[in-house]
Amino acid sequence: MPKIFNNSDITVIRPAGCLNATNAWEFERDLTALLTKAPRTMLLVDLALVESIDSAGLMALVSGFKLADSLGWSWRLGDVSPAVKIILELTQLDRVFAKSASGSDEDTLKNHLVVSCSY
């Protein structure tokens, strides 16, 4: 179960490790739970600690993005790790997801709901 640290209009989810066929469903489940349980306006997915991602992990991100959009949430990616950035660029998903350069900056995240999870 992810840990929740603070509360605000922004929800930050910070997955760590690998997002792949083995655990992408867990990540998608956590995203769905976050998006459907609380009325928020923005979700920041901080990918700084994600070491690798495969097609299943990308599909979990796309599914979360679609759900967020259908529920009226704003969606951002923050601090994408270099390995994941290459994958997003190759698949051109970097054009789909708006990116926030300062996603994990502690001043930026003050007073926000932060969820950390390892997969």
C-alpha atoms as a PDB file:
ATOM      1  CA  MET A   1       0.000   0.000   0.000  1.00  0.00           C
ATOM      2  CA  PRO A   2       1.434   3.404  -0.939  1.00  0.00           C
ATOM      3  CA  LYS A   3       2.264   5.913   1.799  1.00  0.00           C
ATOM      4  CA  ILE A   4       0.397   9.226   1.833  1.00  0.00           C
ATOM      5  CA  PHE A   5       2.332  12.210   3.219  1.00  0.00           C
ATOM      6  CA  ASN A   6       0.406  15.479   2.702  1.00  0.00           C
ATOM      7  CA  ASN A   7      -2.781  16.899   1.234  1.00  0.00           C
ATOM      8  CA  SER A   8      -3.625  19.532  -1.407  1.00  0.00           C
ATOM      9  CA  ASP A   9      -5.181  19.946  -4.843  1.00  0.00           C
ATOM     10  CA  ILE A  10      -2.239  18.103  -6.384  1.00  0.00           C
ATOM     11  CA  THR A  11      -1.618  14.392  -5.995  1.00  0.00           C
ATOM     12  CA  VAL A  12       1.931  13.175  -6.606  1.00  0.00           C
ATOM     13  CA  ILE A  13       2.608   9.487  -7.185  1.00  0.00           C
ATOM     14  CA  ARG A  14       6.250   8.425  -7.134  1.00  0.00           C
ATOM     15  CA  PRO A  15       6.773   4.869  -8.381  1.00  0.00           C
ATOM     16  CA  ALA A  16      10.203   3.301  -7.932  1.00  0.00           C
ATOM     17  CA  GLY A  17      11.934   0.366  -9.559  1.00  0.00           C
ATOM     18  CA  CYS A  18      10.705  -1.215 -12.781  1.00  0.00           C
ATOM     19  CA  LEU A  19       7.303  -0.794 -14.409  1.00  0.00           C
ATOM     20  CA  ASN A  20       6.939  -3.937 -16.479  1.00  0.00           C
ATOM     21  CA  ALA A  21       4.629  -6.836 -17.308  1.00  0.00           C
ATOM     22  CA  THR A  22       5.196  -8.292 -13.847  1.00  0.00           C
ATOM     23  CA  ASN A  23       3.849  -5.312 -11.910  1.00  0.00           C
ATOM     24  CA  ALA A  24       2.243  -2.795 -14.295  1.00  0.00           C
ATOM     25  CA  TRP A  25      -1.218  -3.935 -13.207  1.00  0.00           C
ATOM     26  CA  GLU A  26      -0.368  -2.950  -9.605  1.00  0.00           C
ATOM     27  CA  PHE A  27       0.692   0.507 -10.736  1.00  0.00           C
ATOM     28  CA  GLU A  28      -2.460   0.875 -12.841  1.00  0.00           C
ATOM     29  CA  ARG A  29      -4.565  -0.271  -9.874  1.00  0.00           C
ATOM     30  CA  ASP A  30      -2.914   2.338  -7.624  1.00  0.00           C
ATOM     31  CA  LEU A  31      -3.455   5.058 -10.234  1.00  0.00           C
ATOM     32  CA  THR A  32      -7.115   4.088 -10.608  1.00  0.00           C
ATOM     33  CA  ALA A  33      -7.634   4.119  -6.839  1.00  0.00           C
ATOM     34  CA  LEU A  34      -6.053   7.568  -6.525  1.00  0.00           C
ATOM     35  CA  LEU A  35      -8.011   9.036  -9.411  1.00  0.00           C
ATOM     36  CA  THR A  36     -11.387   7.684  -8.321  1.00  0.00           C
ATOM     37  CA  LYS A  37     -11.249   8.188  -4.554  1.00  0.00           C
ATOM     38  CA  ALA A  38     -10.557  11.898  -4.093  1.00  0.00           C
ATOM     39  CA  PRO A  39     -11.676  15.045  -5.890  1.00  0.00           C
ATOM     40  CA  ARG A  40      -8.409  16.551  -7.060  1.00  0.00           C
ATOM     41  CA  THR A  41      -7.445  18.686  -9.997  1.00  0.00           C
ATOM     42  CA  MET A  42      -3.935  17.528 -10.913  1.00  0.00           C
ATOM     43  CA  LEU A  43      -1.911  14.301 -10.856  1.00  0.00           C
ATOM     44  CA  LEU A  44       1.871  14.510 -11.067  1.00  0.00           C
ATOM     45  CA  VAL A  45       3.543  11.183 -11.878  1.00  0.00           C
ATOM     46  CA  ASP A  46       7.174  11.524 -10.760  1.00  0.00           C
ATOM     47  CA  LEU A  47       9.241   8.948 -12.673  1.00  0.00           C
ATOM     48  CA  ALA A  48      12.681   9.889 -11.314  1.00  0.00           C
ATOM     49  CA  LEU A  49      13.055   6.573  -9.457  1.00  0.00           C
ATOM     50  CA  VAL A  50      11.775   4.336 -12.265  1.00  0.00           C
ATOM     51  CA  GLU A  51      14.747   2.353 -13.587  1.00  0.00           C
ATOM     52  CA  SER A  52      13.027   0.789 -16.592  1.00  0.00           C
ATOM     53  CA  ILE A  53       9.657   0.550 -18.301  1.00  0.00           C
ATOM     54  CA  ASP A  54       8.273  -1.851 -20.902  1.00  0.00           C
ATOM     55  CA  SER A  55       5.134  -1.867 -23.048  1.00  0.00           C
ATOM     56  CA  ALA A  56       2.962  -2.985 -20.116  1.00  0.00           C
ATOM     57  CA  GLY A  57       4.263  -0.089 -18.013  1.00  0.00           C
ATOM     58  CA  LEU A  58       3.604   2.322 -20.875  1.00  0.00           C
ATOM     59  CA  MET A  59       0.062   0.963 -21.210  1.00  0.00           C
ATOM     60  CA  ALA A  60      -0.500   1.525 -17.483  1.00  0.00           C
ATOM     61  CA  LEU A  61       0.582   5.158 -17.939  1.00  0.00           C
ATOM     62  CA  VAL A  62      -1.689   5.573 -20.973  1.00  0.00           C
ATOM     63  CA  SER A  63      -4.634   3.977 -19.135  1.00  0.00           C
ATOM     64  CA  GLY A  64      -4.071   6.271 -16.172  1.00  0.00           C
ATOM     65  CA  PHE A  65      -3.835   9.261 -18.493  1.00  0.00           C
ATOM     66  CA  LYS A  66      -7.127   8.346 -20.202  1.00  0.00           C
ATOM     67  CA  LEU A  67      -8.903   7.815 -16.875  1.00  0.00           C
ATOM     68  CA  ALA A  68      -7.557  11.086 -15.482  1.00  0.00           C
ATOM     69  CA  ASP A  69      -8.744  12.914 -18.585  1.00  0.00           C
ATOM     70  CA  SER A  70     -12.216  11.347 -18.412  1.00  0.00           C
ATOM     71  CA  LEU A  71     -12.529  12.360 -14.736  1.00  0.00           C
ATOM     72  CA  GLY A  72     -11.410  15.932 -15.410  1.00  0.00           C
ATOM     73  CA  TRP A  73      -7.956  15.649 -13.858  1.00  0.00           C
ATOM     74  CA  SER A  74      -4.887  17.406 -15.193  1.00  0.00           C
ATOM     75  CA  TRP A  75      -1.918  15.047 -15.730  1.00  0.00           C
ATOM     76  CA  ARG A  76       1.823  15.750 -15.664  1.00  0.00           C
ATOM     77  CA  LEU A  77       5.003  13.695 -15.690  1.00  0.00           C
ATOM     78  CA  GLY A  78       7.781  14.970 -13.475  1.00  0.00           C
ATOM     79  CA  ASP A  79      11.506  14.221 -13.324  1.00  0.00           C
ATOM     80  CA  VAL A  80      11.577  11.415 -15.867  1.00  0.00           C
ATOM     81  CA  SER A  81      14.676   9.226 -15.451  1.00  0.00           C
ATOM     82  CA  PRO A  82      17.034   9.121 -18.471  1.00  0.00           C
ATOM     83  CA  ALA A  83      16.236   5.480 -19.272  1.00  0.00           C
ATOM     84  CA  VAL A  84      12.490   6.115 -19.237  1.00  0.00           C
ATOM     85  CA  LYS A  85      12.882   9.383 -21.152  1.00  0.00           C
ATOM     86  CA  ILE A  86      14.441   7.491 -24.075  1.00  0.00           C
ATOM     87  CA  ILE A  87      11.501   5.056 -24.166  1.00  0.00           C
ATOM     88  CA  LEU A  88       8.963   7.899 -24.038  1.00  0.00           C
ATOM     89  CA  GLU A  89      10.752   9.670 -26.891  1.00  0.00           C
ATOM     90  CA  LEU A  90      11.000   6.519 -29.041  1.00  0.00           C
ATOM     91  CA  THR A  91       7.284   5.824 -28.601  1.00  0.00           C
ATOM     92  CA  GLN A  92       6.474   9.554 -28.953  1.00  0.00           C
ATOM     93  CA  LEU A  93       4.523   9.391 -25.705  1.00  0.00           C
ATOM     94  CA  ASP A  94       6.589  12.351 -24.517  1.00  0.00           C
ATOM     95  CA  ARG A  95       4.349  14.399 -26.833  1.00  0.00           C
ATOM     96  CA  VAL A  96       1.209  12.977 -25.234  1.00  0.00           C
ATOM     97  CA  PHE A  97       2.163  13.574 -21.618  1.00  0.00           C
ATOM     98  CA  ALA A  98       2.850  17.137 -20.504  1.00  0.00           C
ATOM     99  CA  LYS A  99       6.091  17.229 -18.521  1.00  0.00           C
ATOM    100  CA  SER A 100       6.962  19.202 -15.425  1.00  0.00           C
ATOM    101  CA  ALA A 101      10.702  19.838 -15.088  1.00  0.00           C
ATOM    102  CA  SER A 102      10.631  20.292 -11.320  1.00  0.00           C
ATOM    103  CA  GLY A 103       8.476  17.300 -10.443  1.00  0.00           C
ATOM    104  CA  SER A 104      10.410  16.108  -7.396  1.00  0.00           C
ATOM    105  CA  ASP A 105      11.631  19.473  -6.126  1.00  0.00           C
ATOM    106  CA  GLU A 106      10.671  19.566  -2.451  1.00  0.00           C
ATOM    107  CA  ASP A 107       9.525  23.210  -2.580  1.00  0.00           C
ATOM    108  CA  THR A 108       7.220  22.307  -5.465  1.00  0.00           C
ATOM    109  CA  LEU A 109       5.791  19.356  -3.557  1.00  0.00           C
ATOM    110  CA  LYS A 110       5.107  21.120  -0.250  1.00  0.00           C
ATOM    111  CA  ASN A 111       1.470  20.753   0.814  1.00  0.00           C
ATOM    112  CA  HIS A 112       0.706  18.152  -1.836  1.00  0.00           C
ATOM    113  CA  LEU A 113      -0.562  14.615  -1.456  1.00  0.00           C
ATOM    114  CA  VAL A 114       2.487  12.425  -2.109  1.00  0.00           C
ATOM    115  CA  VAL A 115       2.183   8.700  -2.676  1.00  0.00           C
ATOM    116  CA  SER A 116       5.354   6.599  -2.926  1.00  0.00           C
ATOM    117  CA  CYS A 117       5.264   3.049  -4.195  1.00  0.00           C
ATOM    118  CA  SER A 118       7.853   0.464  -5.219  1.00  0.00           C
ATOM    119  CA  TYR A 119       7.202  -2.158  -7.866  1.00  0.00           C
END
